[in-house]
Amino acid sequence: MANRWRGDVPLVVDGERCEARLTLGALAELEDSLDAESLVGLVERFEGSRFTSRDVVALLGAGLRGTGKHITDAQVADAHIEGGPMAAAKAAAELLARAFVVPE
């Protein structure tokens, strides 16, 4: 996909290939929905492997909505993520990492 922004994270949800991206709106949504004092606190939870499944669901949901997919966190929680929970956690961590990459 030539127009893919380098912040996009590929993901297969219920057999459908998707892209996830943390937009500014998605980041604001995460601040409201998760018990993190800041997004830096959320990043630190992932870096220290102290994240929860709720964190992963919220990140993936926000990221999928960031690319225009109409999906709720409840639907993400019930979805089959190709690669299982570890792949979902890796994609969530990658979303966070890419959200804070400064463009060259």
C-alpha atoms as a PDB file:
ATOM      1  CA  MET A   1       0.000   0.000   0.000  1.00  0.00           C
ATOM      2  CA  ALA A   2       1.891   3.059  -1.255  1.00  0.00           C
ATOM      3  CA  ASN A   3       0.000   5.611   0.855  1.00  0.00           C
ATOM      4  CA  ARG A   4       0.540   3.758   4.102  1.00  0.00           C
ATOM      5  CA  TRP A   5       1.813   6.122   6.741  1.00  0.00           C
ATOM      6  CA  ARG A   6       4.718   4.635   8.645  1.00  0.00           C
ATOM      7  CA  GLY A   7       2.651   4.905  11.826  1.00  0.00           C
ATOM      8  CA  ASP A   8       0.189   2.315  10.531  1.00  0.00           C
ATOM      9  CA  VAL A   9       0.301  -1.128  12.103  1.00  0.00           C
ATOM     10  CA  PRO A  10      -1.045  -4.078  10.084  1.00  0.00           C
ATOM     11  CA  LEU A  11      -3.461  -6.366  11.902  1.00  0.00           C
ATOM     12  CA  VAL A  12      -5.809  -9.205  10.944  1.00  0.00           C
ATOM     13  CA  VAL A  13      -9.111  -8.994  12.822  1.00  0.00           C
ATOM     14  CA  ASP A  14     -11.688 -11.745  12.302  1.00  0.00           C
ATOM     15  CA  GLY A  15      -9.916 -12.685   9.074  1.00  0.00           C
ATOM     16  CA  GLU A  16      -9.947  -9.126   7.681  1.00  0.00           C
ATOM     17  CA  ARG A  17      -6.645  -7.389   7.008  1.00  0.00           C
ATOM     18  CA  CYS A  18      -6.736  -3.977   8.667  1.00  0.00           C
ATOM     19  CA  GLU A  19      -4.485  -1.074   9.470  1.00  0.00           C
ATOM     20  CA  ALA A  20      -4.433   0.607  12.862  1.00  0.00           C
ATOM     21  CA  ARG A  21      -3.175   4.131  13.594  1.00  0.00           C
ATOM     22  CA  LEU A  22      -3.179   6.272  16.702  1.00  0.00           C
ATOM     23  CA  THR A  23      -4.410   9.668  15.581  1.00  0.00           C
ATOM     24  CA  LEU A  24      -4.477  12.667  17.904  1.00  0.00           C
ATOM     25  CA  GLY A  25      -8.159  11.932  18.535  1.00  0.00           C
ATOM     26  CA  ALA A  26      -7.376   8.297  19.293  1.00  0.00           C
ATOM     27  CA  LEU A  27      -4.685   9.370  21.760  1.00  0.00           C
ATOM     28  CA  ALA A  28      -7.155  11.713  23.485  1.00  0.00           C
ATOM     29  CA  GLU A  29      -9.656   8.854  23.647  1.00  0.00           C
ATOM     30  CA  LEU A  30      -7.037   6.667  25.333  1.00  0.00           C
ATOM     31  CA  GLU A  31      -6.277   9.326  27.924  1.00  0.00           C
ATOM     32  CA  ASP A  32      -9.975   9.384  28.825  1.00  0.00           C
ATOM     33  CA  SER A  33     -10.558   5.642  28.841  1.00  0.00           C
ATOM     34  CA  LEU A  34      -7.452   4.236  30.542  1.00  0.00           C
ATOM     35  CA  ASP A  35      -6.210   4.671  34.079  1.00  0.00           C
ATOM     36  CA  ALA A  36      -2.967   6.320  33.019  1.00  0.00           C
ATOM     37  CA  GLU A  37      -2.005   9.722  34.351  1.00  0.00           C
ATOM     38  CA  SER A  38      -0.544  10.445  30.928  1.00  0.00           C
ATOM     39  CA  LEU A  39       0.277   8.716  27.679  1.00  0.00           C
ATOM     40  CA  VAL A  40       3.862   8.556  28.877  1.00  0.00           C
ATOM     41  CA  GLY A  41       2.566   6.502  31.814  1.00  0.00           C
ATOM     42  CA  LEU A  42       0.887   4.139  29.366  1.00  0.00           C
ATOM     43  CA  VAL A  43       4.096   3.838  27.350  1.00  0.00           C
ATOM     44  CA  GLU A  44       5.962   3.076  30.570  1.00  0.00           C
ATOM     45  CA  ARG A  45       3.439   0.338  31.424  1.00  0.00           C
ATOM     46  CA  PHE A  46       4.156  -1.318  28.073  1.00  0.00           C
ATOM     47  CA  GLU A  47       7.917  -0.861  28.367  1.00  0.00           C
ATOM     48  CA  GLY A  48       7.824  -2.443  31.827  1.00  0.00           C
ATOM     49  CA  SER A  49       5.459  -5.259  30.727  1.00  0.00           C
ATOM     50  CA  ARG A  50       2.874  -4.003  33.245  1.00  0.00           C
ATOM     51  CA  PHE A  51       0.082  -3.509  30.716  1.00  0.00           C
ATOM     52  CA  THR A  52      -3.314  -5.161  31.023  1.00  0.00           C
ATOM     53  CA  SER A  53      -5.552  -6.845  28.496  1.00  0.00           C
ATOM     54  CA  ARG A  54      -7.819  -3.794  28.857  1.00  0.00           C
ATOM     55  CA  ASP A  55      -4.879  -1.626  27.719  1.00  0.00           C
ATOM     56  CA  VAL A  56      -4.382  -3.842  24.654  1.00  0.00           C
ATOM     57  CA  VAL A  57      -8.095  -3.788  23.746  1.00  0.00           C
ATOM     58  CA  ALA A  58      -8.313  -0.002  24.179  1.00  0.00           C
ATOM     59  CA  LEU A  59      -5.183   0.612  22.091  1.00  0.00           C
ATOM     60  CA  LEU A  60      -6.273  -1.691  19.282  1.00  0.00           C
ATOM     61  CA  GLY A  61      -9.803  -0.282  19.304  1.00  0.00           C
ATOM     62  CA  ALA A  62      -8.577   3.308  19.207  1.00  0.00           C
ATOM     63  CA  GLY A  63      -6.040   2.420  16.507  1.00  0.00           C
ATOM     64  CA  LEU A  64      -8.593   0.691  14.310  1.00  0.00           C
ATOM     65  CA  ARG A  65     -10.999   3.599  14.691  1.00  0.00           C
ATOM     66  CA  GLY A  66      -8.072   5.884  13.817  1.00  0.00           C
ATOM     67  CA  THR A  67      -8.089   4.401  10.306  1.00  0.00           C
ATOM     68  CA  GLY A  68     -11.864   4.676   9.976  1.00  0.00           C
ATOM     69  CA  LYS A  69     -12.981   1.203  11.038  1.00  0.00           C
ATOM     70  CA  HIS A  70     -16.284   1.220  12.904  1.00  0.00           C
ATOM     71  CA  ILE A  71     -15.550  -1.074  15.834  1.00  0.00           C
ATOM     72  CA  THR A  72     -16.126  -0.862  19.569  1.00  0.00           C
ATOM     73  CA  ASP A  73     -13.724  -1.986  22.259  1.00  0.00           C
ATOM     74  CA  ALA A  74     -16.222  -4.738  23.130  1.00  0.00           C
ATOM     75  CA  GLN A  75     -16.048  -5.985  19.533  1.00  0.00           C
ATOM     76  CA  VAL A  76     -12.240  -5.876  19.645  1.00  0.00           C
ATOM     77  CA  ALA A  77     -12.293  -7.883  22.876  1.00  0.00           C
ATOM     78  CA  ASP A  78     -14.477 -10.546  21.244  1.00  0.00           C
ATOM     79  CA  ALA A  79     -12.608 -10.574  17.919  1.00  0.00           C
ATOM     80  CA  HIS A  80     -10.142 -13.173  16.724  1.00  0.00           C
ATOM     81  CA  ILE A  81      -6.808 -11.401  16.328  1.00  0.00           C
ATOM     82  CA  GLU A  82      -4.523 -13.412  14.047  1.00  0.00           C
ATOM     83  CA  GLY A  83      -1.574 -14.569  16.135  1.00  0.00           C
ATOM     84  CA  GLY A  84      -3.561 -14.516  19.370  1.00  0.00           C
ATOM     85  CA  PRO A  85      -3.111 -12.416  22.499  1.00  0.00           C
ATOM     86  CA  MET A  86       0.654 -12.057  22.107  1.00  0.00           C
ATOM     87  CA  ALA A  87       0.289 -10.688  18.568  1.00  0.00           C
ATOM     88  CA  ALA A  88      -2.418  -8.320  19.813  1.00  0.00           C
ATOM     89  CA  ALA A  89      -0.147  -7.065  22.610  1.00  0.00           C
ATOM     90  CA  LYS A  90       2.745  -6.642  20.175  1.00  0.00           C
ATOM     91  CA  ALA A  91       0.534  -4.643  17.781  1.00  0.00           C
ATOM     92  CA  ALA A  92      -0.676  -2.442  20.652  1.00  0.00           C
ATOM     93  CA  ALA A  93       2.902  -1.759  21.761  1.00  0.00           C
ATOM     94  CA  GLU A  94       3.889  -1.009  18.164  1.00  0.00           C
ATOM     95  CA  LEU A  95       0.999   1.460  17.849  1.00  0.00           C
ATOM     96  CA  LEU A  96       2.230   3.334  20.893  1.00  0.00           C
ATOM     97  CA  ALA A  97       5.821   3.346  19.677  1.00  0.00           C
ATOM     98  CA  ARG A  98       4.906   4.588  16.208  1.00  0.00           C
ATOM     99  CA  ALA A  99       2.609   7.295  17.578  1.00  0.00           C
ATOM    100  CA  PHE A 100       5.616   9.004  19.114  1.00  0.00           C
ATOM    101  CA  VAL A 101       8.065   8.711  16.211  1.00  0.00           C
ATOM    102  CA  VAL A 102       9.093  12.137  14.980  1.00  0.00           C
ATOM    103  CA  PRO A 103       8.825  12.376  11.164  1.00  0.00           C
ATOM    104  CA  GLU A 104      12.095  13.006   9.348  1.00  0.00           C
END
